[in-house]
Amino acid sequence: MFNLSSDKIQFAIVFLIALILSIAVHEFGHAFVADKLGDRLPRMQGRVTLNPVAHIDVIGTIVMPLMIVFTGAPLLGWGKPVQTNPAAYTRRLRMKTGHMIVAAAGPTMNMLLALVVSIVFVAYLKIAHEPNREILKNVAMLIQLNIGLMFFNLIPLPPLDGGTVLRGFIPDQHQDKLDFLDRYGGFILLALLFTGGLGIVMRPVGTVIASWLDLLVRVAT
């Protein structure tokens, strides 16, 4: 059942803005690093930009997140995937290594955004005589979201970035052992989502986030 209270609508708007920003930064990371490694496809498709419009997938970035907020349904959000041509990386790196670096760039950008916003969070607490609780809550949400996205995307299951990162560390002679994950990783992820297993996997991340926010408050005060 949809919850359309004014508080829920306000939260949904703020959450959606934070998510769109976080997804844009994430996808920009993929596109930017691929471009630097010699792959011109992301630039040709207009993806080497921080403009959120270039990275929004209407269903994954807007519809699904709103359904999560208003219904509490166990769903996932996503941005428009950056299309790359890993063969282009071979001019500078092995294709496997380049592919891994490009995959890791998205979560890395989420980590960097979380760090930048954390600095803003601490600075605001130090400067403001009477910090606005709503502002603090919204800034904390952006930090939480990006830390969560970083760890979630590094889960070593295709089609998540972590699946590509994992393959980058596996020696060539053992690559075939990951074919099972390539075929069924998406189904495993959905099974974890709908059985509650994903919540168990991500539970330590909640502890990390809580500890990080507590540290920021202690640094600021």
C-alpha atoms as a PDB file:
ATOM      1  CA  MET A   1       0.000   0.000   0.000  1.00  0.00           C
ATOM      2  CA  PHE A   2       1.278   3.443  -0.901  1.00  0.00           C
ATOM      3  CA  ASN A   3       2.115   5.841   1.917  1.00  0.00           C
ATOM      4  CA  LEU A   4       1.449   9.358   0.597  1.00  0.00           C
ATOM      5  CA  SER A   5       1.939  11.365   3.788  1.00  0.00           C
ATOM      6  CA  SER A   6       3.604  14.764   3.403  1.00  0.00           C
ATOM      7  CA  ASP A   7       6.655  13.542   5.320  1.00  0.00           C
ATOM      8  CA  LYS A   8       6.989  10.522   3.041  1.00  0.00           C
ATOM      9  CA  ILE A   9       6.659  12.679  -0.080  1.00  0.00           C
ATOM     10  CA  GLN A  10       9.308  15.089   1.222  1.00  0.00           C
ATOM     11  CA  PHE A  11      11.621  12.189   2.019  1.00  0.00           C
ATOM     12  CA  ALA A  12      11.027  10.695  -1.433  1.00  0.00           C
ATOM     13  CA  ILE A  13      11.985  13.947  -3.151  1.00  0.00           C
ATOM     14  CA  VAL A  14      15.182  14.353  -1.145  1.00  0.00           C
ATOM     15  CA  PHE A  15      16.068  10.674  -1.539  1.00  0.00           C
ATOM     16  CA  LEU A  16      15.477  10.805  -5.284  1.00  0.00           C
ATOM     17  CA  ILE A  17      17.701  13.874  -5.689  1.00  0.00           C
ATOM     18  CA  ALA A  18      20.456  12.227  -3.620  1.00  0.00           C
ATOM     19  CA  LEU A  19      20.157   8.982  -5.592  1.00  0.00           C
ATOM     20  CA  ILE A  20      20.243  10.704  -8.990  1.00  0.00           C
ATOM     21  CA  LEU A  21      23.358  12.619  -7.937  1.00  0.00           C
ATOM     22  CA  SER A  22      25.013   9.456  -6.628  1.00  0.00           C
ATOM     23  CA  ILE A  23      24.201   7.440  -9.729  1.00  0.00           C
ATOM     24  CA  ALA A  24      25.443  10.251 -11.988  1.00  0.00           C
ATOM     25  CA  VAL A  25      28.768  10.334 -10.146  1.00  0.00           C
ATOM     26  CA  HIS A  26      29.017   6.541 -10.298  1.00  0.00           C
ATOM     27  CA  GLU A  27      28.347   6.277 -14.028  1.00  0.00           C
ATOM     28  CA  PHE A  28      30.580   9.273 -14.759  1.00  0.00           C
ATOM     29  CA  GLY A  29      33.403   7.390 -13.036  1.00  0.00           C
ATOM     30  CA  HIS A  30      33.034   4.458 -15.430  1.00  0.00           C
ATOM     31  CA  ALA A  31      32.834   6.727 -18.478  1.00  0.00           C
ATOM     32  CA  PHE A  32      35.692   9.014 -17.448  1.00  0.00           C
ATOM     33  CA  VAL A  33      38.176   6.212 -16.739  1.00  0.00           C
ATOM     34  CA  ALA A  34      37.214   4.288 -19.884  1.00  0.00           C
ATOM     35  CA  ASP A  35      37.784   7.470 -21.875  1.00  0.00           C
ATOM     36  CA  LYS A  36      41.191   7.996 -20.257  1.00  0.00           C
ATOM     37  CA  LEU A  37      42.142   4.422 -21.152  1.00  0.00           C
ATOM     38  CA  GLY A  38      41.485   5.100 -24.830  1.00  0.00           C
ATOM     39  CA  ASP A  39      37.854   3.994 -25.196  1.00  0.00           C
ATOM     40  CA  ARG A  40      36.037   6.762 -27.073  1.00  0.00           C
ATOM     41  CA  LEU A  41      32.612   5.069 -26.981  1.00  0.00           C
ATOM     42  CA  PRO A  42      31.420   6.698 -23.711  1.00  0.00           C
ATOM     43  CA  ARG A  43      32.416  10.153 -24.991  1.00  0.00           C
ATOM     44  CA  MET A  44      30.648   9.547 -28.307  1.00  0.00           C
ATOM     45  CA  GLN A  45      27.506   8.657 -26.366  1.00  0.00           C
ATOM     46  CA  GLY A  46      27.757  11.752 -24.173  1.00  0.00           C
ATOM     47  CA  ARG A  47      28.491   9.879 -20.953  1.00  0.00           C
ATOM     48  CA  VAL A  48      31.718  11.642 -19.909  1.00  0.00           C
ATOM     49  CA  THR A  49      29.752  14.242 -17.970  1.00  0.00           C
ATOM     50  CA  LEU A  50      28.415  14.865 -14.475  1.00  0.00           C
ATOM     51  CA  ASN A  51      25.095  16.009 -15.933  1.00  0.00           C
ATOM     52  CA  PRO A  52      22.600  13.620 -14.285  1.00  0.00           C
ATOM     53  CA  VAL A  53      20.341  13.659 -17.344  1.00  0.00           C
ATOM     54  CA  ALA A  54      22.946  11.655 -19.271  1.00  0.00           C
ATOM     55  CA  HIS A  55      22.915   8.854 -16.689  1.00  0.00           C
ATOM     56  CA  ILE A  56      19.247   8.541 -15.697  1.00  0.00           C
ATOM     57  CA  ASP A  57      17.310   5.390 -16.517  1.00  0.00           C
ATOM     58  CA  VAL A  58      13.639   6.285 -16.033  1.00  0.00           C
ATOM     59  CA  ILE A  59      12.680   2.897 -14.599  1.00  0.00           C
ATOM     60  CA  GLY A  60      15.824   2.195 -12.575  1.00  0.00           C
ATOM     61  CA  THR A  61      16.611   5.703 -11.355  1.00  0.00           C
ATOM     62  CA  ILE A  62      13.121   7.106 -10.781  1.00  0.00           C
ATOM     63  CA  VAL A  63      10.296   4.547 -10.839  1.00  0.00           C
ATOM     64  CA  MET A  64      11.954   1.761  -8.840  1.00  0.00           C
ATOM     65  CA  PRO A  65      13.375   4.043  -6.099  1.00  0.00           C
ATOM     66  CA  LEU A  66       9.972   5.710  -5.662  1.00  0.00           C
ATOM     67  CA  MET A  67       8.318   2.293  -5.345  1.00  0.00           C
ATOM     68  CA  ILE A  68      10.907   1.360  -2.716  1.00  0.00           C
ATOM     69  CA  VAL A  69      10.182   4.528  -0.719  1.00  0.00           C
ATOM     70  CA  PHE A  70       6.387   4.401  -0.929  1.00  0.00           C
ATOM     71  CA  THR A  71       5.777   0.654  -0.733  1.00  0.00           C
ATOM     72  CA  GLY A  72       8.853  -0.752   0.987  1.00  0.00           C
ATOM     73  CA  ALA A  73       9.083  -3.358  -1.792  1.00  0.00           C
ATOM     74  CA  PRO A  74      12.398  -5.241  -2.026  1.00  0.00           C
ATOM     75  CA  LEU A  75      13.539  -3.703  -5.295  1.00  0.00           C
ATOM     76  CA  LEU A  76      16.751  -2.254  -6.707  1.00  0.00           C
ATOM     77  CA  GLY A  77      17.557   1.006  -8.472  1.00  0.00           C
ATOM     78  CA  TRP A  78      20.091   1.582 -11.203  1.00  0.00           C
ATOM     79  CA  GLY A  79      21.397   4.119 -13.684  1.00  0.00           C
ATOM     80  CA  LYS A  80      21.819   3.879 -17.438  1.00  0.00           C
ATOM     81  CA  PRO A  81      24.795   1.519 -17.885  1.00  0.00           C
ATOM     82  CA  VAL A  82      27.858   3.012 -19.540  1.00  0.00           C
ATOM     83  CA  GLN A  83      28.649   1.119 -22.729  1.00  0.00           C
ATOM     84  CA  THR A  84      32.361   0.480 -23.148  1.00  0.00           C
ATOM     85  CA  ASN A  85      34.694  -1.190 -25.593  1.00  0.00           C
ATOM     86  CA  PRO A  86      37.280  -3.058 -23.477  1.00  0.00           C
ATOM     87  CA  ALA A  87      39.285  -3.948 -26.576  1.00  0.00           C
ATOM     88  CA  ALA A  88      40.298  -0.279 -26.765  1.00  0.00           C
ATOM     89  CA  TYR A  89      42.147  -0.537 -23.448  1.00  0.00           C
ATOM     90  CA  THR A  90      44.779  -2.846 -24.944  1.00  0.00           C
ATOM     91  CA  ARG A  91      46.687   0.173 -26.233  1.00  0.00           C
ATOM     92  CA  ARG A  92      47.671   0.949 -22.645  1.00  0.00           C
ATOM     93  CA  LEU A  93      46.749  -2.059 -20.483  1.00  0.00           C
ATOM     94  CA  ARG A  94      45.708  -5.665 -20.752  1.00  0.00           C
ATOM     95  CA  MET A  95      42.008  -5.757 -21.605  1.00  0.00           C
ATOM     96  CA  LYS A  96      41.183  -7.658 -18.408  1.00  0.00           C
ATOM     97  CA  THR A  97      43.047  -5.130 -16.257  1.00  0.00           C
ATOM     98  CA  GLY A  98      41.479  -2.148 -18.003  1.00  0.00           C
ATOM     99  CA  HIS A  99      38.010  -3.650 -17.676  1.00  0.00           C
ATOM    100  CA  MET A 100      38.594  -4.171 -13.953  1.00  0.00           C
ATOM    101  CA  ILE A 101      39.806  -0.587 -13.434  1.00  0.00           C
ATOM    102  CA  VAL A 102      36.816   0.848 -15.310  1.00  0.00           C
ATOM    103  CA  ALA A 103      34.451  -1.288 -13.230  1.00  0.00           C
ATOM    104  CA  ALA A 104      36.089  -0.183  -9.974  1.00  0.00           C
ATOM    105  CA  ALA A 105      35.880   3.486 -10.979  1.00  0.00           C
ATOM    106  CA  GLY A 106      32.143   3.689 -10.292  1.00  0.00           C
ATOM    107  CA  PRO A 107      32.275   2.572  -6.633  1.00  0.00           C
ATOM    108  CA  THR A 108      35.438   4.649  -6.184  1.00  0.00           C
ATOM    109  CA  MET A 109      33.562   7.772  -7.253  1.00  0.00           C
ATOM    110  CA  ASN A 110      30.846   6.980  -4.707  1.00  0.00           C
ATOM    111  CA  MET A 111      33.550   6.717  -2.032  1.00  0.00           C
ATOM    112  CA  LEU A 112      35.049  10.060  -3.101  1.00  0.00           C
ATOM    113  CA  LEU A 113      31.638  11.745  -3.048  1.00  0.00           C
ATOM    114  CA  ALA A 114      31.000  10.339   0.438  1.00  0.00           C
ATOM    115  CA  LEU A 115      34.334  11.756   1.605  1.00  0.00           C
ATOM    116  CA  VAL A 116      33.673  15.197   0.084  1.00  0.00           C
ATOM    117  CA  VAL A 117      30.190  15.356   1.597  1.00  0.00           C
ATOM    118  CA  SER A 118      31.645  14.189   4.933  1.00  0.00           C
ATOM    119  CA  ILE A 119      33.980  17.182   4.907  1.00  0.00           C
ATOM    120  CA  VAL A 120      30.997  19.446   4.223  1.00  0.00           C
ATOM    121  CA  PHE A 121      29.101  17.742   7.066  1.00  0.00           C
ATOM    122  CA  VAL A 122      31.910  18.366   9.570  1.00  0.00           C
ATOM    123  CA  ALA A 123      32.469  21.936   8.365  1.00  0.00           C
ATOM    124  CA  TYR A 124      28.774  22.741   8.706  1.00  0.00           C
ATOM    125  CA  LEU A 125      28.679  21.363  12.251  1.00  0.00           C
ATOM    126  CA  LYS A 126      31.714  23.442  13.194  1.00  0.00           C
ATOM    127  CA  ILE A 127      30.538  26.672  11.572  1.00  0.00           C
ATOM    128  CA  ALA A 128      26.802  26.697  12.285  1.00  0.00           C
ATOM    129  CA  HIS A 129      25.817  28.016  15.708  1.00  0.00           C
ATOM    130  CA  GLU A 130      22.498  26.166  15.545  1.00  0.00           C
ATOM    131  CA  PRO A 131      22.761  23.458  12.879  1.00  0.00           C
ATOM    132  CA  ASN A 132      19.537  22.770  11.013  1.00  0.00           C
ATOM    133  CA  ARG A 133      18.503  19.202  11.755  1.00  0.00           C
ATOM    134  CA  GLU A 134      16.902  18.733   8.332  1.00  0.00           C
ATOM    135  CA  ILE A 135      20.066  19.818   6.556  1.00  0.00           C
ATOM    136  CA  LEU A 136      22.148  17.473   8.701  1.00  0.00           C
ATOM    137  CA  LYS A 137      19.743  14.604   8.062  1.00  0.00           C
ATOM    138  CA  ASN A 138      19.809  15.150   4.298  1.00  0.00           C
ATOM    139  CA  VAL A 139      23.611  15.452   4.157  1.00  0.00           C
ATOM    140  CA  ALA A 140      23.925  12.306   6.289  1.00  0.00           C
ATOM    141  CA  MET A 141      21.576  10.529   3.878  1.00  0.00           C
ATOM    142  CA  LEU A 142      23.855  11.395   0.953  1.00  0.00           C
ATOM    143  CA  ILE A 143      26.848  10.017   2.856  1.00  0.00           C
ATOM    144  CA  GLN A 144      24.985   6.840   3.792  1.00  0.00           C
ATOM    145  CA  LEU A 145      23.727   6.339   0.263  1.00  0.00           C
ATOM    146  CA  ASN A 146      27.148   6.594  -1.335  1.00  0.00           C
ATOM    147  CA  ILE A 147      28.874   4.348   1.184  1.00  0.00           C
ATOM    148  CA  GLY A 148      26.065   1.843   0.711  1.00  0.00           C
ATOM    149  CA  LEU A 149      26.277   2.046  -3.096  1.00  0.00           C
ATOM    150  CA  MET A 150      30.035   1.589  -2.986  1.00  0.00           C
ATOM    151  CA  PHE A 151      29.872  -1.625  -0.963  1.00  0.00           C
ATOM    152  CA  PHE A 152      26.794  -2.948  -2.767  1.00  0.00           C
ATOM    153  CA  ASN A 153      28.350  -2.526  -6.194  1.00  0.00           C
ATOM    154  CA  LEU A 154      31.509  -4.285  -5.021  1.00  0.00           C
ATOM    155  CA  ILE A 155      29.622  -7.487  -4.174  1.00  0.00           C
ATOM    156  CA  PRO A 156      31.459  -9.998  -6.404  1.00  0.00           C
ATOM    157  CA  LEU A 157      28.464 -10.980  -8.500  1.00  0.00           C
ATOM    158  CA  PRO A 158      27.857 -10.075 -12.144  1.00  0.00           C
ATOM    159  CA  PRO A 159      26.229  -7.826 -13.291  1.00  0.00           C
ATOM    160  CA  LEU A 160      27.552  -5.721 -10.383  1.00  0.00           C
ATOM    161  CA  ASP A 161      30.932  -4.028 -10.713  1.00  0.00           C
ATOM    162  CA  GLY A 162      32.325  -6.400  -8.119  1.00  0.00           C
ATOM    163  CA  GLY A 163      31.891  -9.290 -10.534  1.00  0.00           C
ATOM    164  CA  THR A 164      34.190  -7.599 -13.055  1.00  0.00           C
ATOM    165  CA  VAL A 165      36.654  -6.612 -10.332  1.00  0.00           C
ATOM    166  CA  LEU A 166      36.761 -10.231  -9.123  1.00  0.00           C
ATOM    167  CA  ARG A 167      37.472 -11.489 -12.645  1.00  0.00           C
ATOM    168  CA  GLY A 168      40.309  -8.981 -12.930  1.00  0.00           C
ATOM    169  CA  PHE A 169      42.100 -10.619 -10.000  1.00  0.00           C
ATOM    170  CA  ILE A 170      41.659 -14.204 -11.192  1.00  0.00           C
ATOM    171  CA  PRO A 171      44.573 -15.669 -13.213  1.00  0.00           C
ATOM    172  CA  ASP A 172      43.816 -16.331 -16.869  1.00  0.00           C
ATOM    173  CA  GLN A 173      44.018 -20.101 -16.481  1.00  0.00           C
ATOM    174  CA  HIS A 174      41.194 -20.029 -13.913  1.00  0.00           C
ATOM    175  CA  GLN A 175      38.857 -17.578 -15.662  1.00  0.00           C
ATOM    176  CA  ASP A 176      36.516 -20.379 -16.730  1.00  0.00           C
ATOM    177  CA  LYS A 177      35.678 -21.015 -13.073  1.00  0.00           C
ATOM    178  CA  LEU A 178      33.769 -17.727 -13.047  1.00  0.00           C
ATOM    179  CA  ASP A 179      31.570 -18.609 -16.029  1.00  0.00           C
ATOM    180  CA  PHE A 180      28.931 -19.894 -13.597  1.00  0.00           C
ATOM    181  CA  LEU A 181      28.693 -16.458 -11.980  1.00  0.00           C
ATOM    182  CA  ASP A 182      28.419 -14.788 -15.381  1.00  0.00           C
ATOM    183  CA  ARG A 183      25.462 -17.008 -16.246  1.00  0.00           C
ATOM    184  CA  TYR A 184      23.647 -16.986 -12.921  1.00  0.00           C
ATOM    185  CA  GLY A 185      24.956 -13.957 -11.008  1.00  0.00           C
ATOM    186  CA  GLY A 186      21.854 -11.906 -11.761  1.00  0.00           C
ATOM    187  CA  PHE A 187      19.576 -14.703 -10.525  1.00  0.00           C
ATOM    188  CA  ILE A 188      21.659 -15.134  -7.378  1.00  0.00           C
ATOM    189  CA  LEU A 189      21.392 -11.401  -6.719  1.00  0.00           C
ATOM    190  CA  LEU A 190      17.613 -11.472  -7.140  1.00  0.00           C
ATOM    191  CA  ALA A 191      17.387 -14.507  -4.848  1.00  0.00           C
ATOM    192  CA  LEU A 192      19.391 -12.668  -2.186  1.00  0.00           C
ATOM    193  CA  LEU A 193      17.119  -9.658  -2.595  1.00  0.00           C
ATOM    194  CA  PHE A 194      13.802 -11.461  -2.269  1.00  0.00           C
ATOM    195  CA  THR A 195      14.874 -13.869   0.481  1.00  0.00           C
ATOM    196  CA  GLY A 196      16.389 -11.180   2.679  1.00  0.00           C
ATOM    197  CA  GLY A 197      19.879 -12.560   2.157  1.00  0.00           C
ATOM    198  CA  LEU A 198      21.026  -9.265   0.681  1.00  0.00           C
ATOM    199  CA  GLY A 199      20.132  -7.539   3.926  1.00  0.00           C
ATOM    200  CA  ILE A 200      22.338 -10.000   5.791  1.00  0.00           C
ATOM    201  CA  VAL A 201      25.206  -9.448   3.347  1.00  0.00           C
ATOM    202  CA  MET A 202      24.883  -5.675   3.681  1.00  0.00           C
ATOM    203  CA  ARG A 203      24.362  -5.640   7.460  1.00  0.00           C
ATOM    204  CA  PRO A 204      28.054  -4.986   8.252  1.00  0.00           C
ATOM    205  CA  VAL A 205      27.869  -1.970   5.923  1.00  0.00           C
ATOM    206  CA  GLY A 206      25.212  -0.474   8.192  1.00  0.00           C
ATOM    207  CA  THR A 207      27.653  -0.768  11.086  1.00  0.00           C
ATOM    208  CA  VAL A 208      30.396   0.894   9.017  1.00  0.00           C
ATOM    209  CA  ILE A 209      28.050   3.769   8.102  1.00  0.00           C
ATOM    210  CA  ALA A 210      26.900   4.296  11.680  1.00  0.00           C
ATOM    211  CA  SER A 211      30.494   4.287  12.934  1.00  0.00           C
ATOM    212  CA  TRP A 212      31.551   6.730  10.203  1.00  0.00           C
ATOM    213  CA  LEU A 213      28.767   9.203  10.983  1.00  0.00           C
ATOM    214  CA  ASP A 214      29.525   8.931  14.696  1.00  0.00           C
ATOM    215  CA  LEU A 215      33.185   9.675  13.952  1.00  0.00           C
ATOM    216  CA  LEU A 216      32.234  12.752  11.906  1.00  0.00           C
ATOM    217  CA  VAL A 217      30.113  14.115  14.748  1.00  0.00           C
ATOM    218  CA  ARG A 218      32.904  13.542  17.255  1.00  0.00           C
ATOM    219  CA  VAL A 219      35.446  15.237  14.955  1.00  0.00           C
ATOM    220  CA  ALA A 220      33.131  18.210  14.509  1.00  0.00           C
ATOM    221  CA  THR A 221      32.425  18.624  18.217  1.00  0.00           C
END
